[in-house]
Amino acid sequence: MRVAALAMLAVVVMVSCQGCWDHVELEDIAWVQAIGFDEAAGGYICVTLEMGIPRSLRGAATPGGAVPGAGPHYLTMTVYSRTVLEALDLVGVNLGRRVRLEHCLAYVFGEGLAKSGIRELVGVLDRHREVRETAFAFVARGRAEDILRVTTSPLEASPSRFLATIVQQHRHTGLFEAMQFGRFVWAMQSNAVTPTCPLIALSRGFTQGEAPGGAGGGYPSTPRVGERIAPPEVPPGLGGSEGGPTWLEAGQMPHIGGGPVEVLGTAVFSGGGLVGTLGAEETRAMLMLKNDFERGAFGIPDPQRPDDPGYCLEFDVRGGRTRVEARRDGDKVKIVASVSLSVSYTGMKTQTDYSDPRNSPLAERAAEDYVKKVLDRVISRCKDEMKVDPFHFGDRVKRTFWTWPEWDSFAWQTKFPQAEVSTEVKVKIMRYGLDLGPPHVPSSEKARVEGGATGR
């Protein structure tokens, strides 16, 4: 009797340990690489999925990202449905494969949908077990559907590779913030910070066409001989001595050729809704205040010729440190942000030798004034126009409270527009590049300049 019981137990254990009950072949799955969401009429949502085609991606070697004769390397499909999960089911019954999100690298929210609010949508995605917190969130200028139909770089073999490489550029430029989906969801639920994510848009030079290899969607081809870049339309008050591309956002970069998509600037949310955007150097200022700026090149007006945009100094900023102090007296909050930057003086579009120890302080003060101007501008815009704190100042203000209920009832985001915020900037030139002075000007050239010619 005892032996029979043990034998039956052994059979039960062996049956229960089988690992193939939920077995799924990889060929039965449609792997989503990117997914976009747009608003639709009647309370519906427009869901666009970009899925790789394994037989085309395997061994893809051509610049267009497709194997010769194998057709396109990815499939884009748009579905209208009531919910996101319903859209995934509808795609599955159309393609004959189970749709999975484990390899999805990007969640793109259309501008219109973002303005109307995405809190509920983000909550649904955050609960879904297939969604990776390390994926990246974007806001698309226009519709996300348009972005996902052309997200192919001429240098990459697949859309997923393009998305993986473009987000790495935030560390080298500081022109946008790489926001992981998990951090985005956390910020949407926080009293101290507000959600932000990068802006993505079609390039302004994009023309619809057929990409090499038949991938569809196309991207700007090689410019014809004689084509010229249209001059950028600089908004009033941001040209001349104001300096760099503070106003540039995704879709505004002046260029010819290249890829169809660019990431530039920042989308700023209040809770679950989009309330405004920051330009390129405003994004750098925001990252500095958050202690998240790593590297970027700045064009600073020449202090000897501040009103002439033809003269400027170029600094390569690598690293920095920001100290934020917050003091509170009742509902009144005072914040002081001190930014310290170590820079390399690399560009000399001037004839003043700022590597000379007697002139170096002038260049450092010019850089300090410029960075402070951008910092003050972005703080003013967020306080007066958007009325939100994307700088994580709330993390410092939170430390002035003894208990969590006191902090929670303080409602920091409603107090930020009335807070007194001041900035201090310290710039130290650490390196001067390989040449210690500006290019030598021959005496004959100096004579022409002194005689009235521009010499430039």
Protein backbone atom coordinates (compact mmCIF):
# COMPACT_ATOMS: atom_id res chain seq x y z
CA MET A 1 0.00 0.00 0.00
CA ARG A 2 2.80 2.31 0.92
CA VAL A 3 4.71 1.46 -2.29
CA ALA A 4 1.61 2.15 -4.41
CA ALA A 5 1.15 5.54 -2.75
CA LEU A 6 4.77 6.48 -3.40
CA ALA A 7 4.50 5.34 -7.01
CA MET A 8 1.36 7.43 -7.51
CA LEU A 9 3.07 10.43 -5.91
CA ALA A 10 6.05 10.00 -8.22
CA VAL A 11 3.74 9.93 -11.27
CA VAL A 12 1.98 13.10 -10.11
CA VAL A 13 5.30 14.90 -9.58
CA MET A 14 6.62 13.87 -12.99
CA VAL A 15 3.44 15.01 -14.74
CA SER A 16 3.34 18.32 -12.91
CA CYS A 17 7.01 19.04 -13.72
CA GLN A 18 6.49 18.94 -17.47
CA GLY A 19 7.53 22.29 -19.01
CA CYS A 20 5.72 22.25 -22.35
CA TRP A 21 2.13 23.00 -21.38
CA ASP A 22 2.48 26.69 -22.31
CA HIS A 23 5.13 26.18 -24.98
CA VAL A 24 5.03 28.76 -27.82
CA GLU A 25 7.22 28.66 -30.91
CA LEU A 26 9.10 31.86 -31.75
CA GLU A 27 7.70 31.64 -35.26
CA ASP A 28 4.19 31.97 -33.79
CA ILE A 29 4.90 35.40 -32.25
CA ALA A 30 4.84 38.89 -33.76
CA TRP A 31 7.52 40.86 -31.89
CA VAL A 32 6.63 44.55 -31.53
CA GLN A 33 9.60 46.92 -31.80
CA ALA A 34 7.74 50.19 -31.24
CA ILE A 35 4.15 51.18 -30.54
CA GLY A 36 2.39 54.51 -30.96
CA PHE A 37 -0.86 55.94 -29.65
CA ASP A 38 -3.05 58.68 -31.16
CA GLU A 39 -6.46 60.08 -30.40
CA ALA A 40 -9.41 58.97 -32.52
CA ALA A 41 -13.04 60.04 -32.82
CA GLY A 42 -15.82 58.51 -30.78
CA GLY A 43 -13.70 57.72 -27.74
CA TYR A 44 -11.56 55.22 -29.66
CA ILE A 45 -7.79 55.06 -29.62
CA CYS A 46 -5.52 54.69 -32.64
CA VAL A 47 -2.76 52.14 -31.99
CA THR A 48 0.14 51.74 -34.43
CA LEU A 49 2.52 48.81 -34.10
CA GLU A 50 5.88 48.39 -35.77
CA MET A 51 6.87 44.72 -35.96
CA GLY A 52 10.03 43.16 -37.31
CA ILE A 53 9.91 40.48 -39.99
CA PRO A 54 12.46 37.86 -38.86
CA ARG A 55 13.20 36.36 -42.28
CA SER A 56 14.14 39.83 -43.59
CA LEU A 57 16.06 40.96 -40.51
CA ARG A 58 18.20 37.81 -40.50
CA GLY A 59 21.46 38.77 -42.18
CA ALA A 60 20.23 42.19 -43.32
CA ALA A 61 23.20 43.96 -44.80
CA THR A 62 22.07 46.67 -47.18
CA PRO A 63 21.99 50.37 -46.12
CA GLY A 64 18.22 50.39 -46.49
CA GLY A 65 17.90 47.57 -43.99
CA ALA A 66 16.49 44.83 -46.26
CA VAL A 67 17.93 41.69 -47.78
CA PRO A 68 17.92 41.90 -51.58
CA GLY A 69 14.78 40.24 -52.87
CA ALA A 70 13.41 39.57 -49.36
CA GLY A 71 11.07 42.55 -49.23
CA PRO A 72 10.60 45.01 -46.35
CA HIS A 73 12.26 44.27 -43.01
CA TYR A 74 9.40 45.45 -40.81
CA LEU A 75 5.63 45.72 -40.90
CA THR A 76 3.57 48.67 -39.68
CA MET A 77 -0.10 48.20 -38.79
CA THR A 78 -2.63 50.68 -37.37
CA VAL A 79 -5.76 49.57 -35.52
CA TYR A 80 -8.66 51.54 -34.05
CA SER A 81 -10.08 50.06 -30.87
CA ARG A 82 -11.54 50.90 -27.48
CA THR A 83 -8.53 49.73 -25.47
CA VAL A 84 -4.87 48.92 -26.06
CA LEU A 85 -5.17 45.22 -25.21
CA GLU A 86 -8.13 44.89 -27.55
CA ALA A 87 -5.96 46.39 -30.31
CA LEU A 88 -3.30 43.73 -29.71
CA ASP A 89 -5.91 40.99 -30.06
CA LEU A 90 -7.22 42.50 -33.30
CA VAL A 91 -3.71 42.60 -34.75
CA GLY A 92 -3.22 38.95 -33.81
CA VAL A 93 -6.33 37.74 -35.65
CA ASN A 94 -5.23 39.68 -38.72
CA LEU A 95 -1.61 38.51 -38.86
CA GLY A 96 -2.16 35.04 -37.50
CA ARG A 97 0.43 35.50 -34.77
CA ARG A 98 0.39 36.29 -31.09
CA VAL A 99 1.49 39.88 -30.46
CA ARG A 100 4.12 40.33 -27.73
CA LEU A 101 5.65 43.49 -26.23
CA GLU A 102 8.74 42.16 -24.44
CA HIS A 103 11.06 43.55 -27.14
CA CYS A 104 9.25 46.86 -27.60
CA LEU A 105 11.82 49.67 -27.25
CA ALA A 106 9.66 52.78 -27.67
CA TYR A 107 6.24 54.01 -26.61
CA VAL A 108 5.29 57.04 -28.68
CA PHE A 109 2.36 59.28 -27.71
CA GLY A 110 0.87 61.59 -30.32
CA GLU A 111 0.80 65.29 -29.46
CA GLY A 112 -2.99 65.55 -29.55
CA LEU A 113 -3.47 62.55 -27.28
CA ALA A 114 -0.77 63.79 -24.90
CA LYS A 115 -2.53 67.15 -24.53
CA SER A 116 -5.85 65.49 -23.72
CA GLY A 117 -4.21 63.31 -21.07
CA ILE A 118 -2.52 59.89 -21.03
CA ARG A 119 -2.66 58.98 -17.34
CA GLU A 120 -5.17 56.15 -17.82
CA LEU A 121 -3.35 54.82 -20.87
CA VAL A 122 -0.01 54.82 -19.07
CA GLY A 123 -1.64 53.03 -16.14
CA VAL A 124 -2.86 50.23 -18.43
CA LEU A 125 0.60 49.78 -19.94
CA ASP A 126 2.28 49.83 -16.53
CA ARG A 127 0.08 46.92 -15.38
CA HIS A 128 0.80 44.82 -18.45
CA ARG A 129 3.40 42.16 -17.61
CA GLU A 130 5.02 42.30 -21.08
CA VAL A 131 5.89 46.02 -20.90
CA ARG A 132 9.54 46.70 -20.06
CA GLU A 133 10.29 49.59 -17.71
CA THR A 134 13.57 50.13 -19.56
CA ALA A 135 11.76 50.99 -22.81
CA PHE A 136 11.69 54.69 -23.73
CA ALA A 137 8.80 57.15 -23.84
CA PHE A 138 8.44 59.83 -26.54
CA VAL A 139 5.94 62.52 -27.52
CA ALA A 140 5.51 62.91 -31.27
CA ARG A 141 4.97 66.25 -32.98
CA GLY A 142 1.78 65.57 -34.90
CA ARG A 143 0.79 61.92 -34.87
CA ALA A 144 2.73 58.93 -33.61
CA GLU A 145 1.33 56.93 -36.52
CA ASP A 146 3.32 59.05 -39.00
CA ILE A 147 6.55 58.63 -37.03
CA LEU A 148 6.34 54.84 -36.87
CA ARG A 149 5.72 54.50 -40.58
CA VAL A 150 9.13 55.96 -41.43
CA THR A 151 11.44 55.23 -38.48
CA THR A 152 14.22 53.81 -40.60
CA SER A 153 17.66 55.36 -40.62
CA PRO A 154 19.76 55.01 -43.76
CA LEU A 155 22.58 53.78 -41.48
CA GLU A 156 20.67 51.08 -39.59
CA ALA A 157 19.27 47.71 -40.60
CA SER A 158 16.16 47.82 -38.45
CA PRO A 159 13.91 50.33 -36.66
CA SER A 160 14.79 48.81 -33.28
CA ARG A 161 18.49 49.41 -33.90
CA PHE A 162 17.76 53.01 -34.89
CA LEU A 163 15.74 53.63 -31.72
CA ALA A 164 18.42 52.02 -29.56
CA THR A 165 21.19 54.20 -31.00
CA ILE A 166 19.36 57.51 -31.17
CA VAL A 167 18.52 57.54 -27.45
CA GLN A 168 22.25 57.22 -26.71
CA GLN A 169 22.84 60.67 -28.18
CA HIS A 170 21.44 62.38 -25.09
CA ARG A 171 24.67 61.60 -23.25
CA HIS A 172 26.82 63.19 -25.97
CA THR A 173 24.69 66.27 -26.76
CA GLY A 174 22.27 67.02 -23.92
CA LEU A 175 19.74 68.18 -26.55
CA PHE A 176 17.05 65.84 -25.23
CA GLU A 177 16.42 63.69 -22.18
CA ALA A 178 16.30 59.91 -22.54
CA MET A 179 13.28 58.98 -20.41
CA GLN A 180 12.68 55.34 -19.56
CA PHE A 181 9.05 54.30 -19.36
CA GLY A 182 9.34 53.22 -15.71
CA ARG A 183 10.71 56.63 -14.65
CA PHE A 184 8.01 58.34 -16.70
CA VAL A 185 5.28 56.44 -14.85
CA TRP A 186 6.93 57.15 -11.50
CA ALA A 187 7.08 60.90 -12.20
CA MET A 188 3.40 60.91 -13.16
CA GLN A 189 2.55 59.69 -9.64
CA SER A 190 4.98 61.93 -7.74
CA ASN A 191 4.27 65.10 -5.77
CA ALA A 192 7.86 66.27 -6.09
CA VAL A 193 8.53 66.05 -9.84
CA THR A 194 6.59 66.28 -13.07
CA PRO A 195 6.92 63.95 -16.08
CA THR A 196 9.13 64.89 -19.03
CA CYS A 197 10.20 62.99 -22.13
CA PRO A 198 11.91 63.75 -25.46
CA LEU A 199 10.18 65.19 -28.52
CA ILE A 200 10.33 63.18 -31.73
CA ALA A 201 9.20 64.42 -35.13
CA LEU A 202 9.56 64.02 -38.86
CA SER A 203 12.40 66.10 -40.26
CA ARG A 204 11.24 69.25 -41.95
CA GLY A 205 13.02 68.15 -45.12
CA PHE A 206 11.18 64.82 -45.21
CA THR A 207 9.44 63.88 -48.44
CA GLN A 208 7.34 60.76 -48.83
CA GLY A 209 9.00 58.22 -51.11
CA GLU A 210 10.24 54.69 -51.50
CA ALA A 211 13.24 53.70 -49.41
CA PRO A 212 16.00 51.57 -50.92
CA GLY A 213 15.20 47.87 -50.65
CA GLY A 214 11.45 48.44 -50.81
CA ALA A 215 11.04 49.07 -47.07
CA GLY A 216 8.44 51.74 -47.73
CA GLY A 217 8.04 55.13 -46.10
CA GLY A 218 11.27 56.47 -47.52
CA TYR A 219 13.55 59.17 -46.17
CA PRO A 220 15.17 62.28 -47.65
CA SER A 221 17.39 61.19 -50.50
CA THR A 222 20.80 62.59 -51.37
CA PRO A 223 20.30 66.26 -52.33
CA ARG A 224 20.60 67.21 -55.96
CA VAL A 225 23.49 69.43 -57.00
CA GLY A 226 22.56 73.03 -56.32
CA GLU A 227 20.04 72.38 -53.54
CA ARG A 228 20.46 74.61 -50.53
CA ILE A 229 19.29 74.49 -46.93
CA ALA A 230 16.44 76.88 -46.24
CA PRO A 231 17.53 79.37 -43.55
CA PRO A 232 15.88 78.68 -40.19
CA GLU A 233 13.13 81.00 -39.07
CA VAL A 234 14.39 82.27 -35.74
CA PRO A 235 11.55 83.34 -33.41
CA PRO A 236 11.64 87.01 -32.31
CA GLY A 237 13.96 87.66 -29.39
CA LEU A 238 16.08 84.54 -29.89
CA GLY A 239 18.44 85.63 -32.65
CA GLY A 240 21.55 87.79 -32.81
CA SER A 241 23.39 88.08 -29.53
CA GLU A 242 21.04 85.61 -27.80
CA GLY A 243 23.30 82.86 -29.06
CA GLY A 244 22.61 79.18 -29.65
CA PRO A 245 19.69 77.06 -30.78
CA THR A 246 17.54 77.62 -27.68
CA TRP A 247 14.44 77.65 -29.87
CA LEU A 248 15.14 74.47 -31.87
CA GLU A 249 12.80 71.53 -31.33
CA ALA A 250 12.20 68.25 -33.13
CA GLY A 251 11.15 68.87 -36.71
CA GLN A 252 12.81 72.31 -36.90
CA MET A 253 16.45 71.36 -37.51
CA PRO A 254 17.59 72.88 -40.84
CA HIS A 255 19.26 70.22 -42.97
CA ILE A 256 19.17 68.46 -46.34
CA GLY A 257 19.31 64.68 -46.67
CA GLY A 258 19.85 62.28 -43.82
CA GLY A 259 17.15 60.36 -41.98
CA PRO A 260 13.45 61.09 -41.70
CA VAL A 261 13.18 61.37 -37.91
CA GLU A 262 14.89 63.58 -35.33
CA VAL A 263 14.73 63.75 -31.54
CA LEU A 264 15.25 67.22 -30.08
CA GLY A 265 13.80 69.12 -27.13
CA THR A 266 11.56 68.10 -24.26
CA ALA A 267 7.85 67.57 -23.72
CA VAL A 268 6.71 68.77 -20.28
CA PHE A 269 3.63 67.33 -18.55
CA SER A 270 1.46 68.45 -15.69
CA GLY A 271 0.21 65.22 -14.20
CA GLY A 272 -1.03 63.25 -17.18
CA GLY A 273 -1.35 66.04 -19.75
CA LEU A 274 1.15 67.81 -22.02
CA VAL A 275 1.42 71.51 -21.08
CA GLY A 276 4.42 72.74 -23.07
CA THR A 277 7.78 72.05 -24.67
CA LEU A 278 11.37 73.13 -24.12
CA GLY A 279 13.88 73.88 -26.86
CA ALA A 280 17.31 72.34 -27.27
CA GLU A 281 19.42 74.49 -24.94
CA GLU A 282 16.51 74.94 -22.56
CA THR A 283 16.63 71.16 -22.24
CA ARG A 284 20.33 71.38 -21.43
CA ALA A 285 19.53 73.93 -18.72
CA MET A 286 16.87 71.63 -17.28
CA LEU A 287 19.33 68.72 -17.21
CA MET A 288 21.93 70.89 -15.47
CA LEU A 289 19.45 71.80 -12.74
CA LYS A 290 18.58 68.09 -12.36
CA ASN A 291 22.29 67.15 -12.16
CA ASP A 292 21.78 65.00 -15.24
CA PHE A 293 23.83 66.88 -17.87
CA GLU A 294 26.87 64.99 -19.18
CA ARG A 295 28.20 66.71 -22.28
CA GLY A 296 27.41 69.32 -24.94
CA ALA A 297 28.87 72.06 -27.12
CA PHE A 298 27.89 75.68 -26.50
CA GLY A 299 28.34 78.65 -28.83
CA ILE A 300 28.88 81.76 -26.67
CA PRO A 301 28.80 85.34 -28.04
CA ASP A 302 32.26 86.93 -28.13
CA PRO A 303 32.41 89.34 -25.16
CA GLN A 304 34.48 91.73 -27.33
CA ARG A 305 31.74 91.76 -30.02
CA PRO A 306 28.55 90.74 -28.18
CA ASP A 307 26.17 92.12 -30.82
CA ASP A 308 27.82 90.45 -33.82
CA PRO A 309 26.66 86.80 -34.30
CA GLY A 310 29.60 86.29 -36.67
CA TYR A 311 31.95 86.19 -33.68
CA CYS A 312 31.57 83.54 -31.01
CA LEU A 313 33.42 81.20 -28.67
CA GLU A 314 32.74 77.48 -28.57
CA PHE A 315 32.95 75.51 -25.35
CA ASP A 316 32.82 71.75 -24.91
CA VAL A 317 31.14 71.14 -21.57
CA ARG A 318 31.87 67.72 -20.09
CA GLY A 319 30.28 67.20 -16.74
CA GLY A 320 29.29 69.60 -14.05
CA ARG A 321 27.81 69.75 -10.62
CA THR A 322 24.70 71.50 -9.34
CA ARG A 323 23.92 72.21 -5.71
CA VAL A 324 20.32 73.09 -4.89
CA GLU A 325 19.35 74.66 -1.57
CA ALA A 326 15.72 75.07 -0.55
CA ARG A 327 14.36 77.08 2.38
CA ARG A 328 10.75 77.29 3.41
CA ASP A 329 8.80 79.72 5.59
CA GLY A 330 5.23 78.52 5.64
CA ASP A 331 4.04 78.46 2.05
CA LYS A 332 6.92 80.67 0.87
CA VAL A 333 9.81 78.79 -0.70
CA LYS A 334 13.21 80.14 -1.69
CA ILE A 335 15.48 78.07 -3.92
CA VAL A 336 19.08 78.75 -4.88
CA ALA A 337 20.63 76.61 -7.64
CA SER A 338 24.43 76.82 -7.96
CA VAL A 339 25.83 75.33 -11.19
CA SER A 340 29.56 74.61 -11.59
CA LEU A 341 30.87 73.65 -15.03
CA SER A 342 34.29 72.52 -16.21
CA VAL A 343 34.71 73.33 -19.90
CA SER A 344 37.17 73.03 -22.76
CA TYR A 345 37.68 76.10 -24.92
CA THR A 346 37.73 74.53 -28.41
CA GLY A 347 36.30 77.01 -30.92
CA MET A 348 37.76 80.41 -31.72
CA LYS A 349 35.61 82.30 -34.19
CA THR A 350 37.37 85.44 -33.07
CA GLN A 351 40.77 87.10 -33.19
CA THR A 352 41.00 87.64 -29.44
CA ASP A 353 43.35 85.19 -27.76
CA TYR A 354 41.24 83.98 -24.84
CA SER A 355 43.83 81.35 -23.99
CA ASP A 356 45.95 84.21 -22.72
CA PRO A 357 45.70 84.20 -18.91
CA ARG A 358 44.83 87.89 -19.05
CA ASN A 359 41.80 87.19 -21.27
CA SER A 360 40.63 83.84 -19.90
CA PRO A 361 38.48 85.44 -17.16
CA LEU A 362 36.59 87.35 -19.88
CA ALA A 363 35.72 84.11 -21.67
CA GLU A 364 34.69 82.43 -18.41
CA ARG A 365 32.42 85.34 -17.47
CA ALA A 366 30.89 85.31 -20.96
CA ALA A 367 30.09 81.60 -20.55
CA GLU A 368 28.69 82.18 -17.07
CA ASP A 369 26.44 84.99 -18.29
CA TYR A 370 25.20 82.92 -21.22
CA VAL A 371 24.41 79.79 -19.18
CA LYS A 372 22.72 81.85 -16.47
CA LYS A 373 20.58 83.58 -19.09
CA VAL A 374 19.37 80.22 -20.41
CA LEU A 375 18.78 78.89 -16.88
CA ASP A 376 16.74 81.92 -15.87
CA ARG A 377 14.74 81.79 -19.09
CA VAL A 378 13.74 78.15 -18.73
CA ILE A 379 12.85 78.61 -15.05
CA SER A 380 10.71 81.63 -15.91
CA ARG A 381 8.91 79.76 -18.69
CA CYS A 382 8.13 76.78 -16.45
CA LYS A 383 6.89 79.03 -13.64
CA ASP A 384 4.82 81.47 -15.70
CA GLU A 385 3.69 79.49 -18.76
CA MET A 386 3.58 75.82 -17.75
CA LYS A 387 3.32 76.24 -13.96
CA VAL A 388 5.19 73.01 -13.25
CA ASP A 389 8.57 72.04 -11.82
CA PRO A 390 10.51 69.73 -14.19
CA PHE A 391 13.81 70.45 -12.36
CA HIS A 392 13.28 68.15 -9.35
CA PHE A 393 13.37 71.13 -6.98
CA GLY A 394 10.55 69.39 -5.13
CA ASP A 395 12.99 66.71 -3.93
CA ARG A 396 14.83 69.41 -1.98
CA VAL A 397 11.68 71.15 -0.73
CA LYS A 398 10.40 67.79 0.52
CA ARG A 399 13.31 67.64 2.97
CA THR A 400 12.01 70.71 4.80
CA PHE A 401 9.03 68.73 6.15
CA TRP A 402 9.04 66.48 9.19
CA THR A 403 6.20 64.14 8.15
CA TRP A 404 4.87 62.73 4.89
CA PRO A 405 1.25 63.94 5.42
CA GLU A 406 2.54 67.52 5.78
CA TRP A 407 4.49 67.24 2.54
CA ASP A 408 1.65 65.53 0.72
CA SER A 409 -0.85 68.25 1.66
CA PHE A 410 1.62 71.01 0.68
CA ALA A 411 0.97 70.26 -3.05
CA TRP A 412 4.35 71.50 -4.28
CA GLN A 413 3.43 71.84 -7.94
CA THR A 414 0.79 74.44 -7.04
CA LYS A 415 3.33 76.39 -4.95
CA PHE A 416 6.18 76.34 -7.49
CA PRO A 417 4.90 79.30 -9.61
CA GLN A 418 5.13 81.53 -6.51
CA ALA A 419 8.51 80.22 -5.35
CA GLU A 420 11.55 82.49 -5.44
CA VAL A 421 14.21 80.81 -7.57
CA SER A 422 17.67 82.23 -8.19
CA THR A 423 20.67 80.78 -10.03
CA GLU A 424 24.43 81.05 -9.72
CA VAL A 425 26.86 79.84 -12.39
CA LYS A 426 30.59 79.21 -12.12
CA VAL A 427 32.57 78.24 -15.23
CA LYS A 428 36.19 77.14 -15.17
CA ILE A 429 38.18 76.63 -18.38
CA MET A 430 40.24 73.49 -17.89
CA ARG A 431 41.64 72.93 -21.39
CA TYR A 432 42.33 74.95 -24.52
CA GLY A 433 42.54 72.21 -27.14
CA LEU A 434 45.62 71.52 -29.25
CA ASP A 435 46.28 75.14 -30.29
CA LEU A 436 46.95 77.75 -27.67
CA GLY A 437 45.88 80.72 -29.77
CA PRO A 438 43.61 81.74 -32.65
CA PRO A 439 44.74 81.30 -36.29
CA HIS A 440 47.49 83.76 -37.23
CA VAL A 441 46.41 86.68 -39.43
CA PRO A 442 49.07 87.87 -41.93
CA SER A 443 50.01 91.53 -41.81
CA SER A 444 48.64 92.06 -45.33
CA GLU A 445 45.22 90.81 -44.22
CA LYS A 446 45.28 93.11 -41.21
CA ALA A 447 46.05 96.01 -43.52
CA ARG A 448 42.99 95.24 -45.67
CA VAL A 449 40.76 95.00 -42.59
CA GLU A 450 42.04 98.29 -41.23
CA GLY A 451 41.47 99.82 -44.67
CA GLY A 452 37.75 99.04 -44.52
CA ALA A 453 37.40 95.51 -45.85
CA THR A 454 35.67 92.95 -43.66
CA GLY A 455 38.35 90.32 -44.09
CA ARG A 456 35.80 87.56 -43.30
